[in-house]
């Protein structure tokens, strides 16, 4: 079956609210979004409402980069899913390798964040991926299976359709190194097979599995030519209108 594509730009800790809003204005004006793909941008928390105002009525959706697992409470510095939804977000990234590495987020915590997102009507983008050491030790599929199982623990079949899985090999994020299309396809096919075992093949065929890790205008088309790669989670190349637009309008290979 033919699936739509999802291309998300993760701006990480770049762009002030003013810079983010101006970038969004340029993107809305210049980007022609093909009908078979959805475009999402994820600014930092302080920029969400400013960017949401610019995106209103456009074909570009808003995402947050993180979420707290509780709906409210005495958690200074944290942001709840309901707040993100009210700010205009449709998606939220959970389990990014930088959250796992720098902030010691565990599979259990990531699962709670994913559940909180679903409960608030947000679409979670669950990031999973192995380190270079794990790949060199031939543990890639073992790591992916664990992160997928724990990350989606207790997610009902009725809810899984709202989730997106992003395979991001940690060794390829921000390093300039990219998994080859064949390497990425192998893991994407494995993920789809694992999801099929949990939710059934028909459900797995509909789910979006996207790739992240030094995606750029040059390699995007080749990655998208693989049958189980449904889009990209883009880091540095999403910070410039020209490069992100080229990625969204990737050439067919």
C-alpha atoms as a PDB file:
ATOM      1  CA  UNK A   1       0.000   0.000   0.000  1.00  0.00           C
ATOM      2  CA  UNK A   2       1.084   3.584  -0.533  1.00  0.00           C
ATOM      3  CA  UNK A   3       1.779   5.644   2.574  1.00  0.00           C
ATOM      4  CA  UNK A   4       2.083   9.400   2.850  1.00  0.00           C
ATOM      5  CA  UNK A   5       5.382  10.906   3.974  1.00  0.00           C
ATOM      6  CA  UNK A   6       6.257  12.962   7.044  1.00  0.00           C
ATOM      7  CA  UNK A   7       9.191  15.376   7.055  1.00  0.00           C
ATOM      8  CA  UNK A   8       9.905  17.074  10.374  1.00  0.00           C
ATOM      9  CA  UNK A   9      12.475  19.765  11.118  1.00  0.00           C
ATOM     10  CA  UNK A  10      13.918  19.640  14.636  1.00  0.00           C
ATOM     11  CA  UNK A  11      15.445  23.046  15.379  1.00  0.00           C
ATOM     12  CA  UNK A  12      16.880  21.943  18.724  1.00  0.00           C
ATOM     13  CA  UNK A  13      18.188  24.896  20.809  1.00  0.00           C
ATOM     14  CA  UNK A  14      18.454  27.346  17.923  1.00  0.00           C
ATOM     15  CA  UNK A  15      16.484  30.470  16.932  1.00  0.00           C
ATOM     16  CA  UNK A  16      14.956  33.061  19.249  1.00  0.00           C
ATOM     17  CA  UNK A  17      11.161  33.547  19.062  1.00  0.00           C
ATOM     18  CA  UNK A  18      11.653  36.444  16.646  1.00  0.00           C
ATOM     19  CA  UNK A  19      14.039  34.477  14.450  1.00  0.00           C
ATOM     20  CA  UNK A  20      11.768  31.437  14.544  1.00  0.00           C
ATOM     21  CA  UNK A  21       8.695  33.426  13.533  1.00  0.00           C
ATOM     22  CA  UNK A  22      10.561  35.079  10.650  1.00  0.00           C
ATOM     23  CA  UNK A  23      11.856  31.714   9.468  1.00  0.00           C
ATOM     24  CA  UNK A  24       8.332  30.301   9.606  1.00  0.00           C
ATOM     25  CA  UNK A  25       7.045  33.249   7.538  1.00  0.00           C
ATOM     26  CA  UNK A  26       9.670  32.601   4.875  1.00  0.00           C
ATOM     27  CA  UNK A  27       8.947  28.883   4.893  1.00  0.00           C
ATOM     28  CA  UNK A  28       5.191  29.382   4.502  1.00  0.00           C
ATOM     29  CA  UNK A  29       5.775  31.827   1.647  1.00  0.00           C
ATOM     30  CA  UNK A  30       8.326  29.759  -0.251  1.00  0.00           C
ATOM     31  CA  UNK A  31       7.599  26.100   0.459  1.00  0.00           C
ATOM     32  CA  UNK A  32       5.293  24.206  -1.848  1.00  0.00           C
ATOM     33  CA  UNK A  33       4.221  21.093   0.059  1.00  0.00           C
ATOM     34  CA  UNK A  34       3.455  18.119  -2.209  1.00  0.00           C
ATOM     35  CA  UNK A  35       0.070  16.520  -1.575  1.00  0.00           C
ATOM     36  CA  UNK A  36       1.587  13.176  -0.582  1.00  0.00           C
ATOM     37  CA  UNK A  37       3.613  14.453   2.353  1.00  0.00           C
ATOM     38  CA  UNK A  38       3.196  16.381   5.597  1.00  0.00           C
ATOM     39  CA  UNK A  39       5.699  18.928   6.871  1.00  0.00           C
ATOM     40  CA  UNK A  40       6.310  19.597  10.569  1.00  0.00           C
ATOM     41  CA  UNK A  41       8.667  22.010  12.338  1.00  0.00           C
ATOM     42  CA  UNK A  42       9.731  21.781  15.974  1.00  0.00           C
ATOM     43  CA  UNK A  43      11.013  25.054  17.485  1.00  0.00           C
ATOM     44  CA  UNK A  44      12.189  25.477  21.069  1.00  0.00           C
ATOM     45  CA  UNK A  45       9.504  25.965  23.731  1.00  0.00           C
ATOM     46  CA  UNK A  46       9.678  29.805  23.894  1.00  0.00           C
ATOM     47  CA  UNK A  47       9.000  30.039  20.141  1.00  0.00           C
ATOM     48  CA  UNK A  48       5.972  27.762  19.923  1.00  0.00           C
ATOM     49  CA  UNK A  49       3.194  30.336  20.183  1.00  0.00           C
ATOM     50  CA  UNK A  50       4.921  32.808  17.866  1.00  0.00           C
ATOM     51  CA  UNK A  51       5.467  30.120  15.225  1.00  0.00           C
ATOM     52  CA  UNK A  52       1.957  28.727  15.709  1.00  0.00           C
ATOM     53  CA  UNK A  53       0.520  32.135  14.832  1.00  0.00           C
ATOM     54  CA  UNK A  54       2.508  32.199  11.588  1.00  0.00           C
ATOM     55  CA  UNK A  55       1.598  28.631  10.635  1.00  0.00           C
ATOM     56  CA  UNK A  56      -2.129  29.057  11.252  1.00  0.00           C
ATOM     57  CA  UNK A  57      -3.974  28.246   8.030  1.00  0.00           C
ATOM     58  CA  UNK A  58      -0.858  26.873   6.329  1.00  0.00           C
ATOM     59  CA  UNK A  59       0.045  23.314   5.336  1.00  0.00           C
ATOM     60  CA  UNK A  60       2.846  23.132   7.922  1.00  0.00           C
ATOM     61  CA  UNK A  61       2.210  21.561  11.337  1.00  0.00           C
ATOM     62  CA  UNK A  62       3.839  22.447  14.653  1.00  0.00           C
ATOM     63  CA  UNK A  63       5.693  20.073  16.979  1.00  0.00           C
ATOM     64  CA  UNK A  64       7.352  20.379  20.363  1.00  0.00           C
ATOM     65  CA  UNK A  65      10.756  18.876  21.097  1.00  0.00           C
ATOM     66  CA  UNK A  66       9.877  17.364  24.468  1.00  0.00           C
ATOM     67  CA  UNK A  67       7.046  16.932  26.973  1.00  0.00           C
ATOM     68  CA  UNK A  68       6.615  16.114  30.662  1.00  0.00           C
ATOM     69  CA  UNK A  69       4.941  12.870  31.591  1.00  0.00           C
ATOM     70  CA  UNK A  70       2.466  14.397  34.065  1.00  0.00           C
ATOM     71  CA  UNK A  71      -0.552  16.552  33.099  1.00  0.00           C
ATOM     72  CA  UNK A  72       0.251  19.198  35.712  1.00  0.00           C
ATOM     73  CA  UNK A  73       1.989  19.656  39.044  1.00  0.00           C
ATOM     74  CA  UNK A  74       4.973  21.117  40.878  1.00  0.00           C
ATOM     75  CA  UNK A  75       7.556  20.406  38.176  1.00  0.00           C
ATOM     76  CA  UNK A  76       9.449  23.660  37.759  1.00  0.00           C
ATOM     77  CA  UNK A  77      10.775  24.179  34.263  1.00  0.00           C
ATOM     78  CA  UNK A  78       8.681  21.437  32.660  1.00  0.00           C
ATOM     79  CA  UNK A  79       5.882  21.639  30.069  1.00  0.00           C
ATOM     80  CA  UNK A  80       2.779  19.432  30.003  1.00  0.00           C
ATOM     81  CA  UNK A  81       1.183  17.889  26.929  1.00  0.00           C
ATOM     82  CA  UNK A  82      -2.013  19.895  27.366  1.00  0.00           C
ATOM     83  CA  UNK A  83      -0.004  23.118  27.336  1.00  0.00           C
ATOM     84  CA  UNK A  84       1.650  22.089  24.083  1.00  0.00           C
ATOM     85  CA  UNK A  85      -1.670  21.226  22.505  1.00  0.00           C
ATOM     86  CA  UNK A  86      -3.103  24.582  23.577  1.00  0.00           C
ATOM     87  CA  UNK A  87      -0.029  26.339  22.147  1.00  0.00           C
ATOM     88  CA  UNK A  88      -0.856  24.911  18.732  1.00  0.00           C
ATOM     89  CA  UNK A  89       1.226  21.733  18.603  1.00  0.00           C
ATOM     90  CA  UNK A  90       0.010  18.711  16.703  1.00  0.00           C
ATOM     91  CA  UNK A  91       3.127  16.576  17.243  1.00  0.00           C
ATOM     92  CA  UNK A  92       5.755  16.104  19.941  1.00  0.00           C
ATOM     93  CA  UNK A  93       9.179  14.436  19.772  1.00  0.00           C
ATOM     94  CA  UNK A  94       9.862  11.897  22.528  1.00  0.00           C
ATOM     95  CA  UNK A  95      12.950   9.832  23.236  1.00  0.00           C
ATOM     96  CA  UNK A  96      15.392  11.800  21.080  1.00  0.00           C
ATOM     97  CA  UNK A  97      18.927  10.478  21.574  1.00  0.00           C
ATOM     98  CA  UNK A  98      20.026  13.822  23.011  1.00  0.00           C
ATOM     99  CA  UNK A  99      17.354  13.450  25.706  1.00  0.00           C
ATOM    100  CA  UNK A 100      18.451   9.869  26.341  1.00  0.00           C
ATOM    101  CA  UNK A 101      22.155  10.764  26.417  1.00  0.00           C
ATOM    102  CA  UNK A 102      22.366  14.179  28.081  1.00  0.00           C
ATOM    103  CA  UNK A 103      19.328  13.969  30.357  1.00  0.00           C
ATOM    104  CA  UNK A 104      19.445  10.239  31.095  1.00  0.00           C
ATOM    105  CA  UNK A 105      15.899   9.586  29.912  1.00  0.00           C
ATOM    106  CA  UNK A 106      15.046   5.907  30.218  1.00  0.00           C
ATOM    107  CA  UNK A 107      12.758   3.748  28.096  1.00  0.00           C
ATOM    108  CA  UNK A 108      10.260   3.739  30.969  1.00  0.00           C
ATOM    109  CA  UNK A 109      10.187   7.527  31.212  1.00  0.00           C
ATOM    110  CA  UNK A 110       9.922   7.891  27.440  1.00  0.00           C
ATOM    111  CA  UNK A 111       6.969   5.501  27.445  1.00  0.00           C
ATOM    112  CA  UNK A 112       5.224   7.658  30.059  1.00  0.00           C
ATOM    113  CA  UNK A 113       5.837  10.769  27.972  1.00  0.00           C
ATOM    114  CA  UNK A 114       4.455   9.030  24.895  1.00  0.00           C
ATOM    115  CA  UNK A 115       1.355   7.996  26.834  1.00  0.00           C
ATOM    116  CA  UNK A 116       0.882  11.567  28.073  1.00  0.00           C
ATOM    117  CA  UNK A 117       1.103  12.870  24.515  1.00  0.00           C
ATOM    118  CA  UNK A 118      -1.494  10.411  23.239  1.00  0.00           C
ATOM    119  CA  UNK A 119      -3.819  11.178  26.154  1.00  0.00           C
ATOM    120  CA  UNK A 120      -3.728  14.867  25.234  1.00  0.00           C
ATOM    121  CA  UNK A 121      -4.360  14.327  21.540  1.00  0.00           C
ATOM    122  CA  UNK A 122      -0.777  14.938  20.425  1.00  0.00           C
ATOM    123  CA  UNK A 123       0.942  12.679  17.897  1.00  0.00           C
ATOM    124  CA  UNK A 124       4.210  11.417  19.397  1.00  0.00           C
ATOM    125  CA  UNK A 125       7.305  10.916  17.242  1.00  0.00           C
ATOM    126  CA  UNK A 126       9.139   8.138  19.091  1.00  0.00           C
ATOM    127  CA  UNK A 127      12.885   8.238  18.433  1.00  0.00           C
ATOM    128  CA  UNK A 128      14.901   5.034  18.693  1.00  0.00           C
ATOM    129  CA  UNK A 129      18.437   4.191  17.634  1.00  0.00           C
ATOM    130  CA  UNK A 130      21.711   2.521  18.490  1.00  0.00           C
ATOM    131  CA  UNK A 131      25.112   3.974  19.386  1.00  0.00           C
ATOM    132  CA  UNK A 132      28.228   3.344  17.302  1.00  0.00           C
ATOM    133  CA  UNK A 133      29.484   0.861  19.909  1.00  0.00           C
ATOM    134  CA  UNK A 134      26.208  -1.043  19.805  1.00  0.00           C
ATOM    135  CA  UNK A 135      26.320  -1.202  16.009  1.00  0.00           C
ATOM    136  CA  UNK A 136      29.932  -2.380  16.000  1.00  0.00           C
ATOM    137  CA  UNK A 137      28.947  -5.115  18.486  1.00  0.00           C
ATOM    138  CA  UNK A 138      26.085  -6.216  16.176  1.00  0.00           C
ATOM    139  CA  UNK A 139      23.510  -5.183  18.779  1.00  0.00           C
ATOM    140  CA  UNK A 140      21.538  -2.815  16.535  1.00  0.00           C
ATOM    141  CA  UNK A 141      18.408  -4.935  16.183  1.00  0.00           C
ATOM    142  CA  UNK A 142      18.505  -5.964  19.842  1.00  0.00           C
ATOM    143  CA  UNK A 143      18.611  -2.313  20.934  1.00  0.00           C
ATOM    144  CA  UNK A 144      15.890  -1.297  18.469  1.00  0.00           C
ATOM    145  CA  UNK A 145      13.616  -4.134  19.594  1.00  0.00           C
ATOM    146  CA  UNK A 146      14.003  -3.145  23.251  1.00  0.00           C
ATOM    147  CA  UNK A 147      13.445   0.564  22.704  1.00  0.00           C
ATOM    148  CA  UNK A 148      10.428  -0.133  20.512  1.00  0.00           C
ATOM    149  CA  UNK A 149       8.892  -2.618  22.943  1.00  0.00           C
ATOM    150  CA  UNK A 150       9.407  -0.428  26.006  1.00  0.00           C
ATOM    151  CA  UNK A 151       8.566   2.830  24.267  1.00  0.00           C
ATOM    152  CA  UNK A 152       5.201   1.511  23.048  1.00  0.00           C
ATOM    153  CA  UNK A 153       4.384  -0.485  26.163  1.00  0.00           C
ATOM    154  CA  UNK A 154       0.629  -0.489  26.889  1.00  0.00           C
ATOM    155  CA  UNK A 155      -0.151   1.527  23.746  1.00  0.00           C
ATOM    156  CA  UNK A 156      -3.472   0.191  22.486  1.00  0.00           C
ATOM    157  CA  UNK A 157      -4.133  -0.739  18.848  1.00  0.00           C
ATOM    158  CA  UNK A 158      -6.615   2.142  18.659  1.00  0.00           C
ATOM    159  CA  UNK A 159      -3.854   4.603  19.602  1.00  0.00           C
ATOM    160  CA  UNK A 160      -0.852   3.322  17.678  1.00  0.00           C
ATOM    161  CA  UNK A 161      -2.083   4.922  14.460  1.00  0.00           C
ATOM    162  CA  UNK A 162      -1.411   8.349  15.995  1.00  0.00           C
ATOM    163  CA  UNK A 163       2.257   7.540  16.640  1.00  0.00           C
ATOM    164  CA  UNK A 164       5.259   7.898  14.345  1.00  0.00           C
ATOM    165  CA  UNK A 165       8.518   5.988  14.820  1.00  0.00           C
ATOM    166  CA  UNK A 166      11.789   7.725  13.958  1.00  0.00           C
ATOM    167  CA  UNK A 167      14.883   5.572  13.509  1.00  0.00           C
ATOM    168  CA  UNK A 168      17.867   7.740  14.399  1.00  0.00           C
ATOM    169  CA  UNK A 169      21.196   5.928  14.662  1.00  0.00           C
ATOM    170  CA  UNK A 170      22.961   7.889  17.380  1.00  0.00           C
ATOM    171  CA  UNK A 171      26.266   7.688  15.499  1.00  0.00           C
ATOM    172  CA  UNK A 172      24.742   9.601  12.577  1.00  0.00           C
ATOM    173  CA  UNK A 173      23.155  12.515  14.440  1.00  0.00           C
ATOM    174  CA  UNK A 174      24.994  15.774  13.882  1.00  0.00           C
ATOM    175  CA  UNK A 175      28.144  13.929  12.805  1.00  0.00           C
ATOM    176  CA  UNK A 176      27.808  14.231   9.045  1.00  0.00           C
ATOM    177  CA  UNK A 177      27.737  10.441   8.886  1.00  0.00           C
ATOM    178  CA  UNK A 178      24.555   8.925   7.510  1.00  0.00           C
ATOM    179  CA  UNK A 179      23.385   5.346   7.462  1.00  0.00           C
ATOM    180  CA  UNK A 180      23.413   4.129   3.898  1.00  0.00           C
ATOM    181  CA  UNK A 181      19.967   3.717   2.345  1.00  0.00           C
ATOM    182  CA  UNK A 182      20.456  -0.048   2.637  1.00  0.00           C
ATOM    183  CA  UNK A 183      21.419   0.135   6.326  1.00  0.00           C
ATOM    184  CA  UNK A 184      18.450   2.380   7.094  1.00  0.00           C
ATOM    185  CA  UNK A 185      16.064   0.191   5.112  1.00  0.00           C
ATOM    186  CA  UNK A 186      17.198  -2.930   6.980  1.00  0.00           C
ATOM    187  CA  UNK A 187      16.318  -1.355  10.336  1.00  0.00           C
ATOM    188  CA  UNK A 188      13.092   0.211   9.064  1.00  0.00           C
ATOM    189  CA  UNK A 189      11.948  -3.175   7.725  1.00  0.00           C
ATOM    190  CA  UNK A 190      12.797  -4.740  11.095  1.00  0.00           C
ATOM    191  CA  UNK A 191      10.795  -2.062  12.923  1.00  0.00           C
ATOM    192  CA  UNK A 192       7.785  -2.618  10.669  1.00  0.00           C
ATOM    193  CA  UNK A 193       8.036  -6.370  11.233  1.00  0.00           C
ATOM    194  CA  UNK A 194       8.177  -5.864  15.007  1.00  0.00           C
ATOM    195  CA  UNK A 195       5.156  -3.577  14.872  1.00  0.00           C
ATOM    196  CA  UNK A 196       3.376  -6.157  12.750  1.00  0.00           C
ATOM    197  CA  UNK A 197       3.978  -8.789  15.383  1.00  0.00           C
ATOM    198  CA  UNK A 198       2.490  -6.524  18.047  1.00  0.00           C
ATOM    199  CA  UNK A 199      -0.366  -4.852  16.182  1.00  0.00           C
ATOM    200  CA  UNK A 200      -0.859  -6.985  13.078  1.00  0.00           C
ATOM    201  CA  UNK A 201       0.573  -6.642   9.554  1.00  0.00           C
ATOM    202  CA  UNK A 202      -2.259  -4.438   8.283  1.00  0.00           C
ATOM    203  CA  UNK A 203      -1.658  -1.856  11.019  1.00  0.00           C
ATOM    204  CA  UNK A 204       2.113  -2.018  10.557  1.00  0.00           C
ATOM    205  CA  UNK A 205       1.811  -1.329   6.836  1.00  0.00           C
ATOM    206  CA  UNK A 206       0.006   1.948   7.577  1.00  0.00           C
ATOM    207  CA  UNK A 207       2.372   3.257  10.264  1.00  0.00           C
ATOM    208  CA  UNK A 208       4.923   5.920   9.379  1.00  0.00           C
ATOM    209  CA  UNK A 209       8.562   5.071  10.105  1.00  0.00           C
ATOM    210  CA  UNK A 210      10.921   7.954   9.357  1.00  0.00           C
ATOM    211  CA  UNK A 211      14.709   8.283   9.334  1.00  0.00           C
ATOM    212  CA  UNK A 212      16.910  10.811  11.104  1.00  0.00           C
ATOM    213  CA  UNK A 213      20.646  11.305  11.165  1.00  0.00           C
ATOM    214  CA  UNK A 214      22.466  13.924   9.050  1.00  0.00           C
ATOM    215  CA  UNK A 215      19.685  14.035   6.447  1.00  0.00           C
ATOM    216  CA  UNK A 216      20.422  16.580   3.715  1.00  0.00           C
ATOM    217  CA  UNK A 217      19.219  17.529   0.216  1.00  0.00           C
ATOM    218  CA  UNK A 218      21.767  15.185  -1.378  1.00  0.00           C
ATOM    219  CA  UNK A 219      20.870  11.953   0.428  1.00  0.00           C
ATOM    220  CA  UNK A 220      17.139  12.501   0.982  1.00  0.00           C
ATOM    221  CA  UNK A 221      15.983  11.164  -2.375  1.00  0.00           C
ATOM    222  CA  UNK A 222      18.046   7.998  -2.045  1.00  0.00           C
ATOM    223  CA  UNK A 223      16.714   7.342   1.451  1.00  0.00           C
ATOM    224  CA  UNK A 224      13.134   7.885   0.313  1.00  0.00           C
ATOM    225  CA  UNK A 225      13.574   5.399  -2.522  1.00  0.00           C
ATOM    226  CA  UNK A 226      13.628   2.606   0.073  1.00  0.00           C
ATOM    227  CA  UNK A 227      10.226   0.989   0.540  1.00  0.00           C
ATOM    228  CA  UNK A 228      10.009   1.219   4.355  1.00  0.00           C
ATOM    229  CA  UNK A 229      11.360   4.766   4.822  1.00  0.00           C
ATOM    230  CA  UNK A 230       8.415   7.158   5.080  1.00  0.00           C
ATOM    231  CA  UNK A 231      10.117  10.480   5.700  1.00  0.00           C
ATOM    232  CA  UNK A 232      12.762  12.170   7.785  1.00  0.00           C
ATOM    233  CA  UNK A 233      13.454  13.875  11.089  1.00  0.00           C
ATOM    234  CA  UNK A 234      15.860  16.598   9.985  1.00  0.00           C
ATOM    235  CA  UNK A 235      18.272  18.437  12.271  1.00  0.00           C
ATOM    236  CA  UNK A 236      20.817  20.971  11.022  1.00  0.00           C
ATOM    237  CA  UNK A 237      19.541  21.020   7.449  1.00  0.00           C
ATOM    238  CA  UNK A 238      16.138  22.214   8.696  1.00  0.00           C
ATOM    239  CA  UNK A 239      17.627  25.482   9.973  1.00  0.00           C
ATOM    240  CA  UNK A 240      17.860  27.024   6.499  1.00  0.00           C
ATOM    241  CA  UNK A 241      14.806  27.599   4.304  1.00  0.00           C
ATOM    242  CA  UNK A 242      16.578  26.564   1.100  1.00  0.00           C
ATOM    243  CA  UNK A 243      17.971  23.265   2.344  1.00  0.00           C
ATOM    244  CA  UNK A 244      14.787  22.273   4.182  1.00  0.00           C
ATOM    245  CA  UNK A 245      12.678  23.093   1.133  1.00  0.00           C
ATOM    246  CA  UNK A 246      14.938  20.925  -1.018  1.00  0.00           C
ATOM    247  CA  UNK A 247      14.533  18.056   1.446  1.00  0.00           C
ATOM    248  CA  UNK A 248      10.739  18.400   1.471  1.00  0.00           C
ATOM    249  CA  UNK A 249      10.721  18.425  -2.334  1.00  0.00           C
ATOM    250  CA  UNK A 250      13.237  15.614  -2.653  1.00  0.00           C
ATOM    251  CA  UNK A 251      13.820  14.300  -6.174  1.00  0.00           C
ATOM    252  CA  UNK A 252      12.559  10.858  -7.057  1.00  0.00           C
ATOM    253  CA  UNK A 253      15.425   8.382  -7.517  1.00  0.00           C
END
